[in-house]
């Protein structure tokens, strides 16, 4: 993959993320804040962006979104690497969601 292809994929990911974020925020702001892991101020700014602004912001050479999962426990729950402890996939994902929700609440 050359540099131009990489930049095109970053632009596409940024555009998709911003459009998804706008849709979620406009449908249910509280749920969007939780699902996207962002502040209310950031949500207000994103929801107010015009299509031209979305395209301009998406054209940066850095990803706008980032991984919220930054500890081994949540990654192991999401990837089910510790299947011997919990056999039920739905329970494992629920546990990961609860942990992430707690961390979101701490950050807010």
PDB file of N, CA and C in Angstrom:
ATOM      1  N   UNK A   1       0.849  -1.166   0.000  1.00  0.00           N
ATOM      2  CA  UNK A   1       0.000   0.000   0.000  1.00  0.00           C
ATOM      3  C   UNK A   1       0.906   1.244   0.000  1.00  0.00           C
ATOM      4  N   UNK A   2       0.658   2.121  -0.935  1.00  0.00           N
ATOM      5  CA  UNK A   2       1.476   3.334  -0.983  1.00  0.00           C
ATOM      6  C   UNK A   2       0.840   4.434  -0.121  1.00  0.00           C
ATOM      7  N   UNK A   3       1.575   5.533   0.013  1.00  0.00           N
ATOM      8  CA  UNK A   3       1.141   6.619   0.892  1.00  0.00           C
ATOM      9  C   UNK A   3      -0.186   7.233   0.445  1.00  0.00           C
ATOM     10  N   UNK A   4      -0.383   7.371  -0.843  1.00  0.00           N
ATOM     11  CA  UNK A   4      -1.629   7.963  -1.347  1.00  0.00           C
ATOM     12  C   UNK A   4      -2.837   7.076  -1.016  1.00  0.00           C
ATOM     13  N   UNK A   5      -2.667   5.762  -1.120  1.00  0.00           N
ATOM     14  CA  UNK A   5      -3.751   4.841  -0.776  1.00  0.00           C
ATOM     15  C   UNK A   5      -4.061   4.916   0.720  1.00  0.00           C
ATOM     16  N   UNK A   6      -3.026   5.008   1.528  1.00  0.00           N
ATOM     17  CA  UNK A   6      -3.200   5.109   2.968  1.00  0.00           C
ATOM     18  C   UNK A   6      -3.977   6.378   3.325  1.00  0.00           C
ATOM     19  N   UNK A   7      -3.600   7.496   2.730  1.00  0.00           N
ATOM     20  CA  UNK A   7      -4.300   8.760   2.989  1.00  0.00           C
ATOM     21  C   UNK A   7      -5.754   8.698   2.529  1.00  0.00           C
ATOM     22  N   UNK A   8      -6.002   8.041   1.414  1.00  0.00           N
ATOM     23  CA  UNK A   8      -7.385   7.896   0.931  1.00  0.00           C
ATOM     24  C   UNK A   8      -8.212   7.066   1.907  1.00  0.00           C
ATOM     25  N   UNK A   9      -7.631   6.029   2.473  1.00  0.00           N
ATOM     26  CA  UNK A   9      -8.356   5.209   3.442  1.00  0.00           C
ATOM     27  C   UNK A   9      -8.608   5.966   4.741  1.00  0.00           C
ATOM     28  N   UNK A  10      -7.657   6.785   5.157  1.00  0.00           N
ATOM     29  CA  UNK A  10      -7.862   7.612   6.346  1.00  0.00           C
ATOM     30  C   UNK A  10      -8.993   8.596   6.108  1.00  0.00           C
ATOM     31  N   UNK A  11      -9.011   9.248   4.942  1.00  0.00           N
ATOM     32  CA  UNK A  11     -10.101  10.180   4.618  1.00  0.00           C
ATOM     33  C   UNK A  11     -11.444   9.471   4.632  1.00  0.00           C
ATOM     34  N   UNK A  12     -11.492   8.289   4.069  1.00  0.00           N
ATOM     35  CA  UNK A  12     -12.742   7.522   4.039  1.00  0.00           C
ATOM     36  C   UNK A  12     -13.195   7.153   5.448  1.00  0.00           C
ATOM     37  N   UNK A  13     -12.267   6.706   6.279  1.00  0.00           N
ATOM     38  CA  UNK A  13     -12.607   6.357   7.663  1.00  0.00           C
ATOM     39  C   UNK A  13     -13.094   7.587   8.423  1.00  0.00           C
ATOM     40  N   UNK A  14     -12.425   8.717   8.239  1.00  0.00           N
ATOM     41  CA  UNK A  14     -12.836   9.955   8.909  1.00  0.00           C
ATOM     42  C   UNK A  14     -14.230  10.390   8.467  1.00  0.00           C
ATOM     43  N   UNK A  15     -14.485  10.324   7.173  1.00  0.00           N
ATOM     44  CA  UNK A  15     -15.802  10.709   6.651  1.00  0.00           C
ATOM     45  C   UNK A  15     -16.881   9.806   7.226  1.00  0.00           C
ATOM     46  N   UNK A  16     -16.644   8.516   7.196  1.00  0.00           N
ATOM     47  CA  UNK A  16     -17.614   7.552   7.725  1.00  0.00           C
ATOM     48  C   UNK A  16     -17.858   7.782   9.207  1.00  0.00           C
ATOM     49  N   UNK A  17     -16.782   7.997   9.959  1.00  0.00           N
ATOM     50  CA  UNK A  17     -16.913   8.222  11.405  1.00  0.00           C
ATOM     51  C   UNK A  17     -17.717   9.489  11.697  1.00  0.00           C
ATOM     52  N   UNK A  18     -17.395  10.579  11.024  1.00  0.00           N
ATOM     53  CA  UNK A  18     -18.114  11.830  11.271  1.00  0.00           C
ATOM     54  C   UNK A  18     -19.590  11.723  10.901  1.00  0.00           C
ATOM     55  N   UNK A  19     -19.886  11.056   9.792  1.00  0.00           N
ATOM     56  CA  UNK A  19     -21.279  10.889   9.384  1.00  0.00           C
ATOM     57  C   UNK A  19     -22.034  10.003  10.374  1.00  0.00           C
ATOM     58  N   UNK A  20     -21.408   8.926  10.815  1.00  0.00           N
ATOM     59  CA  UNK A  20     -22.016   8.060  11.822  1.00  0.00           C
ATOM     60  C   UNK A  20     -22.244   8.832  13.114  1.00  0.00           C
ATOM     61  N   UNK A  21     -21.243   9.583  13.541  1.00  0.00           N
ATOM     62  CA  UNK A  21     -21.366  10.354  14.774  1.00  0.00           C
ATOM     63  C   UNK A  21     -22.511  11.359  14.673  1.00  0.00           C
ATOM     64  N   UNK A  22     -22.604  12.063  13.557  1.00  0.00           N
ATOM     65  CA  UNK A  22     -23.703  13.021  13.382  1.00  0.00           C
ATOM     66  C   UNK A  22     -25.053  12.329  13.470  1.00  0.00           C
ATOM     67  N   UNK A  23     -25.199  11.203  12.799  1.00  0.00           N
ATOM     68  CA  UNK A  23     -26.472  10.477  12.829  1.00  0.00           C
ATOM     69  C   UNK A  23     -26.829  10.023  14.235  1.00  0.00           C
ATOM     70  N   UNK A  24     -25.855   9.441  14.941  1.00  0.00           N
ATOM     71  CA  UNK A  24     -26.118   8.977  16.306  1.00  0.00           C
ATOM     72  C   UNK A  24     -26.488  10.133  17.221  1.00  0.00           C
ATOM     73  N   UNK A  25     -25.756  11.233  17.120  1.00  0.00           N
ATOM     74  CA  UNK A  25     -26.004  12.395  17.981  1.00  0.00           C
ATOM     75  C   UNK A  25     -27.384  12.976  17.708  1.00  0.00           C
ATOM     76  N   UNK A  26     -27.755  13.069  16.464  1.00  0.00           N
ATOM     77  CA  UNK A  26     -29.059  13.644  16.112  1.00  0.00           C
ATOM     78  C   UNK A  26     -30.222  12.740  16.505  1.00  0.00           C
ATOM     79  N   UNK A  27     -29.997  11.419  16.509  1.00  0.00           N
ATOM     80  CA  UNK A  27     -31.061  10.495  16.886  1.00  0.00           C
ATOM     81  C   UNK A  27     -31.256  10.421  18.391  1.00  0.00           C
ATOM     82  N   UNK A  28     -30.151  10.269  19.131  1.00  0.00           N
ATOM     83  CA  UNK A  28     -30.228  10.133  20.592  1.00  0.00           C
ATOM     84  C   UNK A  28     -28.887  10.570  21.172  1.00  0.00           C
ATOM     85  N   UNK A  29     -28.851  11.805  21.625  1.00  0.00           N
ATOM     86  CA  UNK A  29     -27.584  12.400  22.048  1.00  0.00           C
ATOM     87  C   UNK A  29     -26.959  11.654  23.225  1.00  0.00           C
ATOM     88  N   UNK A  30     -27.752  11.298  24.222  1.00  0.00           N
ATOM     89  CA  UNK A  30     -27.218  10.612  25.402  1.00  0.00           C
ATOM     90  C   UNK A  30     -26.591   9.268  25.019  1.00  0.00           C
ATOM     91  N   UNK A  31     -27.289   8.526  24.182  1.00  0.00           N
ATOM     92  CA  UNK A  31     -26.758   7.237  23.742  1.00  0.00           C
ATOM     93  C   UNK A  31     -25.500   7.436  22.901  1.00  0.00           C
ATOM     94  N   UNK A  32     -25.482   8.466  22.066  1.00  0.00           N
ATOM     95  CA  UNK A  32     -24.313   8.740  21.233  1.00  0.00           C
ATOM     96  C   UNK A  32     -23.098   9.074  22.088  1.00  0.00           C
ATOM     97  N   UNK A  33     -23.298   9.858  23.140  1.00  0.00           N
ATOM     98  CA  UNK A  33     -22.186  10.194  24.028  1.00  0.00           C
ATOM     99  C   UNK A  33     -21.571   8.931  24.612  1.00  0.00           C
ATOM    100  N   UNK A  34     -22.428   7.999  25.019  1.00  0.00           N
ATOM    101  CA  UNK A  34     -21.940   6.735  25.569  1.00  0.00           C
ATOM    102  C   UNK A  34     -21.255   5.889  24.504  1.00  0.00           C
ATOM    103  N   UNK A  35     -21.917   5.682  23.372  1.00  0.00           N
ATOM    104  CA  UNK A  35     -21.383   4.795  22.343  1.00  0.00           C
ATOM    105  C   UNK A  35     -20.096   5.330  21.715  1.00  0.00           C
ATOM    106  N   UNK A  36     -20.022   6.638  21.547  1.00  0.00           N
ATOM    107  CA  UNK A  36     -18.853   7.239  20.913  1.00  0.00           C
ATOM    108  C   UNK A  36     -17.765   7.602  21.920  1.00  0.00           C
ATOM    109  N   UNK A  37     -18.120   7.658  23.195  1.00  0.00           N
ATOM    110  CA  UNK A  37     -17.150   7.985  24.226  1.00  0.00           C
ATOM    111  C   UNK A  37     -16.629   9.402  24.106  1.00  0.00           C
ATOM    112  N   UNK A  38     -17.529  10.333  23.823  1.00  0.00           N
ATOM    113  CA  UNK A  38     -17.094  11.716  23.652  1.00  0.00           C
ATOM    114  C   UNK A  38     -17.847  12.629  24.593  1.00  0.00           C
ATOM    115  N   UNK A  39     -17.332  13.840  24.736  1.00  0.00           N
ATOM    116  CA  UNK A  39     -17.964  14.828  25.611  1.00  0.00           C
ATOM    117  C   UNK A  39     -19.170  15.448  24.911  1.00  0.00           C
ATOM    118  N   UNK A  40     -20.002  16.093  25.697  1.00  0.00           N
ATOM    119  CA  UNK A  40     -21.167  16.760  25.134  1.00  0.00           C
ATOM    120  C   UNK A  40     -20.744  17.926  24.241  1.00  0.00           C
ATOM    121  N   UNK A  41     -19.669  18.615  24.613  1.00  0.00           N
ATOM    122  CA  UNK A  41     -19.171  19.721  23.787  1.00  0.00           C
ATOM    123  C   UNK A  41     -18.742  19.229  22.405  1.00  0.00           C
ATOM    124  N   UNK A  42     -18.013  18.117  22.384  1.00  0.00           N
ATOM    125  CA  UNK A  42     -17.586  17.560  21.100  1.00  0.00           C
ATOM    126  C   UNK A  42     -18.795  17.133  20.273  1.00  0.00           C
ATOM    127  N   UNK A  43     -19.781  16.525  20.926  1.00  0.00           N
ATOM    128  CA  UNK A  43     -20.989  16.098  20.222  1.00  0.00           C
ATOM    129  C   UNK A  43     -21.726  17.290  19.631  1.00  0.00           C
ATOM    130  N   UNK A  44     -21.804  18.374  20.378  1.00  0.00           N
ATOM    131  CA  UNK A  44     -22.470  19.579  19.871  1.00  0.00           C
ATOM    132  C   UNK A  44     -21.759  20.123  18.634  1.00  0.00           C
ATOM    133  N   UNK A  45     -20.435  20.133  18.673  1.00  0.00           N
ATOM    134  CA  UNK A  45     -19.675  20.632  17.520  1.00  0.00           C
ATOM    135  C   UNK A  45     -19.865  19.735  16.299  1.00  0.00           C
ATOM    136  N   UNK A  46     -19.803  18.422  16.513  1.00  0.00           N
ATOM    137  CA  UNK A  46     -19.936  17.484  15.394  1.00  0.00           C
ATOM    138  C   UNK A  46     -21.337  17.556  14.788  1.00  0.00           C
ATOM    139  N   UNK A  47     -22.349  17.648  15.634  1.00  0.00           N
ATOM    140  CA  UNK A  47     -23.714  17.671  15.101  1.00  0.00           C
ATOM    141  C   UNK A  47     -23.999  18.936  14.302  1.00  0.00           C
ATOM    142  N   UNK A  48     -23.263  20.015  14.576  1.00  0.00           N
ATOM    143  CA  UNK A  48     -23.493  21.285  13.886  1.00  0.00           C
ATOM    144  C   UNK A  48     -22.689  21.422  12.590  1.00  0.00           C
ATOM    145  N   UNK A  49     -21.844  20.454  12.270  1.00  0.00           N
ATOM    146  CA  UNK A  49     -21.014  20.553  11.071  1.00  0.00           C
ATOM    147  C   UNK A  49     -21.853  20.462   9.802  1.00  0.00           C
ATOM    148  N   UNK A  50     -21.529  21.296   8.841  1.00  0.00           N
ATOM    149  CA  UNK A  50     -22.161  21.207   7.517  1.00  0.00           C
ATOM    150  C   UNK A  50     -21.472  20.089   6.730  1.00  0.00           C
ATOM    151  N   UNK A  51     -22.091  19.605   5.648  1.00  0.00           N
ATOM    152  CA  UNK A  51     -21.425  18.584   4.831  1.00  0.00           C
ATOM    153  C   UNK A  51     -20.053  19.043   4.325  1.00  0.00           C
ATOM    154  N   UNK A  52     -19.928  20.305   3.958  1.00  0.00           N
ATOM    155  CA  UNK A  52     -18.626  20.810   3.490  1.00  0.00           C
ATOM    156  C   UNK A  52     -17.589  20.782   4.605  1.00  0.00           C
ATOM    157  N   UNK A  53     -18.017  21.103   5.825  1.00  0.00           N
ATOM    158  CA  UNK A  53     -17.096  21.065   6.954  1.00  0.00           C
ATOM    159  C   UNK A  53     -16.672  19.632   7.268  1.00  0.00           C
ATOM    160  N   UNK A  54     -17.619  18.702   7.174  1.00  0.00           N
ATOM    161  CA  UNK A  54     -17.296  17.288   7.397  1.00  0.00           C
ATOM    162  C   UNK A  54     -16.228  16.847   6.402  1.00  0.00           C
ATOM    163  N   UNK A  55     -16.404  17.192   5.148  1.00  0.00           N
ATOM    164  CA  UNK A  55     -15.442  16.776   4.124  1.00  0.00           C
ATOM    165  C   UNK A  55     -14.072  17.425   4.354  1.00  0.00           C
ATOM    166  N   UNK A  56     -14.063  18.681   4.756  1.00  0.00           N
ATOM    167  CA  UNK A  56     -12.802  19.377   4.999  1.00  0.00           C
ATOM    168  C   UNK A  56     -12.075  18.760   6.191  1.00  0.00           C
ATOM    169  N   UNK A  57     -12.798  18.499   7.271  1.00  0.00           N
ATOM    170  CA  UNK A  57     -12.188  17.903   8.464  1.00  0.00           C
ATOM    171  C   UNK A  57     -11.726  16.478   8.171  1.00  0.00           C
ATOM    172  N   UNK A  58     -12.522  15.733   7.428  1.00  0.00           N
ATOM    173  CA  UNK A  58     -12.183  14.338   7.114  1.00  0.00           C
ATOM    174  C   UNK A  58     -10.939  14.228   6.252  1.00  0.00           C
ATOM    175  N   UNK A  59     -10.581  15.294   5.574  1.00  0.00           N
ATOM    176  CA  UNK A  59      -9.428  15.264   4.661  1.00  0.00           C
ATOM    177  C   UNK A  59      -8.087  15.380   5.359  1.00  0.00           C
ATOM    178  N   UNK A  60      -8.081  15.469   6.680  1.00  0.00           N
ATOM    179  CA  UNK A  60      -6.803  15.529   7.384  1.00  0.00           C
ATOM    180  C   UNK A  60      -6.074  14.204   7.223  1.00  0.00           C
ATOM    181  N   UNK A  61      -4.783  14.206   7.507  1.00  0.00           N
ATOM    182  CA  UNK A  61      -3.996  12.985   7.317  1.00  0.00           C
ATOM    183  C   UNK A  61      -3.886  12.152   8.591  1.00  0.00           C
ATOM    184  N   UNK A  62      -4.730  12.451   9.594  1.00  0.00           N
ATOM    185  CA  UNK A  62      -4.742  11.670  10.830  1.00  0.00           C
ATOM    186  C   UNK A  62      -6.160  11.187  11.113  1.00  0.00           C
ATOM    187  N   UNK A  63      -6.257  10.001  11.691  1.00  0.00           N
ATOM    188  CA  UNK A  63      -7.567   9.475  12.062  1.00  0.00           C
ATOM    189  C   UNK A  63      -8.183  10.323  13.163  1.00  0.00           C
ATOM    190  N   UNK A  64      -9.472  10.609  13.037  1.00  0.00           N
ATOM    191  CA  UNK A  64     -10.172  11.400  14.030  1.00  0.00           C
ATOM    192  C   UNK A  64     -10.669  10.558  15.196  1.00  0.00           C
ATOM    193  N   UNK A  65     -10.937   9.292  14.951  1.00  0.00           N
ATOM    194  CA  UNK A  65     -11.408   8.417  16.020  1.00  0.00           C
ATOM    195  C   UNK A  65     -10.216   7.665  16.609  1.00  0.00           C
ATOM    196  N   UNK A  66     -10.414   7.144  17.811  1.00  0.00           N
ATOM    197  CA  UNK A  66      -9.355   6.373  18.448  1.00  0.00           C
ATOM    198  C   UNK A  66      -9.976   5.207  19.204  1.00  0.00           C
ATOM    199  N   UNK A  67      -9.150   4.224  19.513  1.00  0.00           N
ATOM    200  CA  UNK A  67      -9.626   3.081  20.273  1.00  0.00           C
ATOM    201  C   UNK A  67      -9.854   3.495  21.718  1.00  0.00           C
ATOM    202  N   UNK A  68     -11.011   3.148  22.241  1.00  0.00           N
ATOM    203  CA  UNK A  68     -11.325   3.436  23.639  1.00  0.00           C
ATOM    204  C   UNK A  68     -10.880   2.309  24.541  1.00  0.00           C
ATOM    205  N   UNK A  69     -10.675   1.149  23.991  1.00  0.00           N
ATOM    206  CA  UNK A  69     -10.303  -0.012  24.785  1.00  0.00           C
ATOM    207  C   UNK A  69      -8.786  -0.024  24.906  1.00  0.00           C
ATOM    208  N   UNK A  70      -8.303   0.269  26.112  1.00  0.00           N
ATOM    209  CA  UNK A  70      -6.862   0.290  26.263  1.00  0.00           C
ATOM    210  C   UNK A  70      -6.387  -0.504  27.476  1.00  0.00           C
ATOM    211  N   UNK A  71      -7.106  -1.563  27.793  1.00  0.00           N
ATOM    212  CA  UNK A  71      -6.573  -2.466  28.808  1.00  0.00           C
ATOM    213  C   UNK A  71      -6.846  -3.919  28.417  1.00  0.00           C
ATOM    214  N   UNK A  72      -6.025  -4.787  28.943  1.00  0.00           N
ATOM    215  CA  UNK A  72      -6.081  -6.199  28.568  1.00  0.00           C
ATOM    216  C   UNK A  72      -7.392  -6.871  28.947  1.00  0.00           C
ATOM    217  N   UNK A  73      -7.966  -6.491  30.086  1.00  0.00           N
ATOM    218  CA  UNK A  73      -9.198  -7.157  30.527  1.00  0.00           C
ATOM    219  C   UNK A  73     -10.316  -6.989  29.503  1.00  0.00           C
ATOM    220  N   UNK A  74     -10.532  -5.767  29.028  1.00  0.00           N
ATOM    221  CA  UNK A  74     -11.614  -5.541  28.071  1.00  0.00           C
ATOM    222  C   UNK A  74     -11.294  -6.211  26.740  1.00  0.00           C
ATOM    223  N   UNK A  75     -10.037  -6.107  26.276  1.00  0.00           N
ATOM    224  CA  UNK A  75      -9.669  -6.780  25.021  1.00  0.00           C
ATOM    225  C   UNK A  75      -9.890  -8.287  25.126  1.00  0.00           C
ATOM    226  N   UNK A  76      -9.501  -8.874  26.254  1.00  0.00           N
ATOM    227  CA  UNK A  76      -9.692 -10.320  26.430  1.00  0.00           C
ATOM    228  C   UNK A  76     -11.172 -10.679  26.445  1.00  0.00           C
ATOM    229  N   UNK A  77     -11.993  -9.843  27.063  1.00  0.00           N
ATOM    230  CA  UNK A  77     -13.429 -10.112  27.070  1.00  0.00           C
ATOM    231  C   UNK A  77     -14.009 -10.005  25.662  1.00  0.00           C
ATOM    232  N   UNK A  78     -13.607  -8.971  24.926  1.00  0.00           N
ATOM    233  CA  UNK A  78     -14.148  -8.773  23.578  1.00  0.00           C
ATOM    234  C   UNK A  78     -13.678  -9.844  22.602  1.00  0.00           C
ATOM    235  N   UNK A  79     -12.447 -10.288  22.751  1.00  0.00           N
ATOM    236  CA  UNK A  79     -11.928 -11.316  21.839  1.00  0.00           C
ATOM    237  C   UNK A  79     -12.143 -12.719  22.371  1.00  0.00           C
ATOM    238  N   UNK A  80     -12.657 -12.806  23.613  1.00  0.00           N
ATOM    239  CA  UNK A  80     -12.977 -14.084  24.252  1.00  0.00           C
ATOM    240  C   UNK A  80     -11.753 -14.983  24.389  1.00  0.00           C
ATOM    241  N   UNK A  81     -10.593 -14.394  24.685  1.00  0.00           N
ATOM    242  CA  UNK A  81      -9.378 -15.183  24.898  1.00  0.00           C
ATOM    243  C   UNK A  81      -9.408 -15.971  26.192  1.00  0.00           C
ATOM    244  N   UNK A  82     -10.234 -15.560  27.121  1.00  0.00           N
ATOM    245  CA  UNK A  82     -10.342 -16.263  28.394  1.00  0.00           C
ATOM    246  C   UNK A  82     -11.632 -17.068  28.446  1.00  0.00           C
ATOM    247  N   UNK A  83     -11.883 -17.825  27.396  1.00  0.00           N
ATOM    248  CA  UNK A  83     -13.150 -18.563  27.281  1.00  0.00           C
ATOM    249  C   UNK A  83     -13.322 -19.589  28.388  1.00  0.00           C
ATOM    250  N   UNK A  84     -12.230 -20.038  29.007  1.00  0.00           N
ATOM    251  CA  UNK A  84     -12.368 -21.043  30.061  1.00  0.00           C
ATOM    252  C   UNK A  84     -13.019 -20.461  31.317  1.00  0.00           C
ATOM    253  N   UNK A  85     -12.977 -19.129  31.505  1.00  0.00           N
ATOM    254  CA  UNK A  85     -13.602 -18.505  32.666  1.00  0.00           C
ATOM    255  C   UNK A  85     -15.087 -18.250  32.438  1.00  0.00           C
ATOM    256  N   UNK A  86     -15.447 -17.829  31.245  1.00  0.00           N
ATOM    257  CA  UNK A  86     -16.848 -17.532  30.921  1.00  0.00           C
ATOM    258  C   UNK A  86     -17.166 -18.186  29.586  1.00  0.00           C
ATOM    259  N   UNK A  87     -18.119 -19.090  29.601  1.00  0.00           N
ATOM    260  CA  UNK A  87     -18.433 -19.831  28.385  1.00  0.00           C
ATOM    261  C   UNK A  87     -19.467 -19.145  27.509  1.00  0.00           C
ATOM    262  N   UNK A  88     -20.222 -18.223  28.057  1.00  0.00           N
ATOM    263  CA  UNK A  88     -21.300 -17.599  27.327  1.00  0.00           C
ATOM    264  C   UNK A  88     -20.812 -16.307  26.666  1.00  0.00           C
ATOM    265  N   UNK A  89     -20.828 -16.266  25.339  1.00  0.00           N
ATOM    266  CA  UNK A  89     -20.327 -15.114  24.590  1.00  0.00           C
ATOM    267  C   UNK A  89     -21.108 -13.850  24.898  1.00  0.00           C
ATOM    268  N   UNK A  90     -22.416 -13.956  25.039  1.00  0.00           N
ATOM    269  CA  UNK A  90     -23.244 -12.784  25.336  1.00  0.00           C
ATOM    270  C   UNK A  90     -22.886 -12.208  26.703  1.00  0.00           C
ATOM    271  N   UNK A  91     -22.646 -13.066  27.672  1.00  0.00           N
ATOM    272  CA  UNK A  91     -22.261 -12.612  29.004  1.00  0.00           C
ATOM    273  C   UNK A  91     -20.901 -11.918  28.967  1.00  0.00           C
ATOM    274  N   UNK A  92     -19.992 -12.459  28.200  1.00  0.00           N
ATOM    275  CA  UNK A  92     -18.663 -11.882  28.076  1.00  0.00           C
ATOM    276  C   UNK A  92     -18.737 -10.479  27.479  1.00  0.00           C
ATOM    277  N   UNK A  93     -19.518 -10.310  26.405  1.00  0.00           N
ATOM    278  CA  UNK A  93     -19.656  -8.998  25.773  1.00  0.00           C
ATOM    279  C   UNK A  93     -20.378  -8.013  26.693  1.00  0.00           C
ATOM    280  N   UNK A  94     -21.353  -8.497  27.446  1.00  0.00           N
ATOM    281  CA  UNK A  94     -22.044  -7.654  28.405  1.00  0.00           C
ATOM    282  C   UNK A  94     -21.079  -7.159  29.473  1.00  0.00           C
ATOM    283  N   UNK A  95     -20.233  -8.042  29.954  1.00  0.00           N
ATOM    284  CA  UNK A  95     -19.235  -7.674  30.953  1.00  0.00           C
ATOM    285  C   UNK A  95     -18.296  -6.597  30.396  1.00  0.00           C
ATOM    286  N   UNK A  96     -17.849  -6.752  29.164  1.00  0.00           N
ATOM    287  CA  UNK A  96     -16.988  -5.756  28.530  1.00  0.00           C
ATOM    288  C   UNK A  96     -17.713  -4.413  28.403  1.00  0.00           C
ATOM    289  N   UNK A  97     -18.984  -4.439  28.032  1.00  0.00           N
ATOM    290  CA  UNK A  97     -19.772  -3.207  27.905  1.00  0.00           C
ATOM    291  C   UNK A  97     -19.917  -2.503  29.245  1.00  0.00           C
ATOM    292  N   UNK A  98     -20.125  -3.270  30.296  1.00  0.00           N
ATOM    293  CA  UNK A  98     -20.261  -2.688  31.633  1.00  0.00           C
ATOM    294  C   UNK A  98     -18.952  -2.023  32.048  1.00  0.00           C
ATOM    295  N   UNK A  99     -17.831  -2.693  31.795  1.00  0.00           N
ATOM    296  CA  UNK A  99     -16.536  -2.099  32.126  1.00  0.00           C
ATOM    297  C   UNK A  99     -16.298  -0.805  31.364  1.00  0.00           C
ATOM    298  N   UNK A 100     -16.610  -0.817  30.057  1.00  0.00           N
ATOM    299  CA  UNK A 100     -16.410   0.378  29.244  1.00  0.00           C
ATOM    300  C   UNK A 100     -17.341   1.500  29.670  1.00  0.00           C
ATOM    301  N   UNK A 101     -18.581   1.177  30.045  1.00  0.00           N
ATOM    302  CA  UNK A 101     -19.520   2.189  30.493  1.00  0.00           C
ATOM    303  C   UNK A 101     -19.034   2.818  31.797  1.00  0.00           C
ATOM    304  N   UNK A 102     -18.486   2.006  32.675  1.00  0.00           N
ATOM    305  CA  UNK A 102     -17.943   2.532  33.935  1.00  0.00           C
ATOM    306  C   UNK A 102     -16.782   3.471  33.688  1.00  0.00           C
ATOM    307  N   UNK A 103     -15.945   3.142  32.746  1.00  0.00           N
ATOM    308  CA  UNK A 103     -14.796   4.001  32.428  1.00  0.00           C
ATOM    309  C   UNK A 103     -15.266   5.279  31.763  1.00  0.00           C
ATOM    310  N   UNK A 104     -16.316   5.205  30.952  1.00  0.00           N
ATOM    311  CA  UNK A 104     -16.870   6.414  30.325  1.00  0.00           C
ATOM    312  C   UNK A 104     -17.439   7.324  31.409  1.00  0.00           C
ATOM    313  N   UNK A 105     -18.156   6.745  32.367  1.00  0.00           N
ATOM    314  CA  UNK A 105     -18.748   7.544  33.435  1.00  0.00           C
ATOM    315  C   UNK A 105     -17.660   8.207  34.290  1.00  0.00           C
ATOM    316  N   UNK A 106     -16.564   7.521  34.529  1.00  0.00           N
ATOM    317  CA  UNK A 106     -15.453   8.101  35.282  1.00  0.00           C
ATOM    318  C   UNK A 106     -14.838   9.287  34.543  1.00  0.00           C
ATOM    319  N   UNK A 107     -14.757   9.158  33.212  1.00  0.00           N
ATOM    320  CA  UNK A 107     -14.139  10.217  32.411  1.00  0.00           C
ATOM    321  C   UNK A 107     -14.996  11.469  32.354  1.00  0.00           C
ATOM    322  N   UNK A 108     -16.314  11.276  32.412  1.00  0.00           N
ATOM    323  CA  UNK A 108     -17.239  12.414  32.343  1.00  0.00           C
ATOM    324  C   UNK A 108     -17.298  13.038  33.696  1.00  0.00           C
TER     325      UNK A 108
END
